[in-house]
Structures are given as C-alpha cells and as structure tokens.
Amino acid sequence: MNRTDLSLKSAAILLPALGLLASVAIPPVARAETVTTKTTVTTTSTDEIASQEKALQEKMREYEKTDLELKQAEALRLRKGQLEVEIKTLEIQKARRELQVQETKDELEMLLEGDVLFDTNSAVIKTGAHPRLRQVALILAEYPRGRVMVTGFADSTGKAQANMELSRKRGEAVKTYLLDKSPGAISSERIVAEGRGEASPVATNQDAAGRQLNRRVEITVSKSL
C-alpha cells in the first residue's frame, strides 16, 4: 500500500470523529460575579433625638423625686425616733415625780397610795390604778438587772393578823400585775412580794389622814444583784 492510500484511509477515519466532536456542546465558562453588599445607614432626625432626650430627662426627674421622697422619709423616721425618746424621757420624769421616787446610789424606792390602788378591805387592783402601775413598769424597765421588792402595808384598824394577810395579798396583786402587763420590765426571778401589815407606819393611826398614808405599797429596786 502506497502513501496515498494510507492518507486516504486515515482521512476516512478522522473525519467522522471530528464530526462527533463538533456535535458535543461545550458549556461556556462561568463568569465570576461581583456581589455588592449594600449598607443601610439609619439616620435619626433632630426631632427624634429631642424627643428621646426629653423622655430621659423626665425619667431622671422621676428618679430624683423618688430619691428626695426616700430621703425625706428617712429623715422623718429618724425624727420620729428622736421624738419617741424625748416623750419617754418626759414620761419617766413625770412617773418619778408622781411616784415620789427616792433614789440612792444602790437602790430606788417608789410609793403607791393604798387607796389609789384598792378599795377598802380588797386586794383587787382598781381599773383607775392601771396608769399608775404602768408608770412603775416604765421605771422598772430602766433597771432590767435589778431586784424588785413589793411590800404591802396596812393601817391599824381591825385585827393585826387580818391586816397582815391583806397587805400580803395587795403586794402579790401588784407583783402579778407588773409581770402580766409589763413582761419586759422585770423577770419573775427578780421580783418578790411580801406583806408587813401594821408595821412601819409612816404617819399616825389616830386619824383618818394618817391611816390613809399608812395604807400603801412600797416598791424597792436594788439597782444591781
């Protein structure tokens, strides 16, 4: 076979192949796309800023008002406490005067008129005597560690034994009242009561005025144990 024949044969083979290649669609090269990100800038108008500022200022005024009210309330609370102390001091001074308080370095003594506390031949405390006994409790509260002695006395009218028993019951009645009505004033371990009847009169028993003075209850406070 000569060269001419080979060339013709090769051409016969290549031509169909070239036609096949021409029929295949070649996709286009993808183009790079540039993505642009848009940034939205929000602008606040002057009116909106002024409105926000006004709202904040109003809120600040509310806080300042609340703070002022709290300070005023605290000042009132402190003043109330001071007034309570001043009132209590005056009440104690009044109680000491009305109870004829006699005080020494080691003890304190109070006097309660028997006719103010009790009816004749009775050991039941009168309702009208309650304010006076509250004064006693007020003073006792100043000596929470003190020992308290409640002593009842009688005049010489009647039998001595009956007077002794009556004076003892009256002392016990005062003790019980102080413990029941003023539990913070004194503890039960530090208060005792006794009756001494006609003993130790402070005035004559020959007239009504003297006998009235002898019907009494004395309360003695030892300031420390």
Foldseek 3Di string as FASTA:
>chain_A
DDPVVVVVVVCVVVVVVVVVVVVDDDDDDDDDDDDDDDDDDDDDDPVRVVVVVVVVVVVVVVVVVVVVVVVVVVVVVVVVVVVVVVVLVVLLVVLCVVQVWDDDPFKIKGKFFQVQQDDPLDLHGDPSCVVNLVSVLSVLQVQAAKAKEKEWEAAPPDDQVSQQVSRQSNSVNSVVCSCVVPVNSYDPVRYDYGYDYNPDQPADSPDPVSRRSRGIMMMMIGRHD
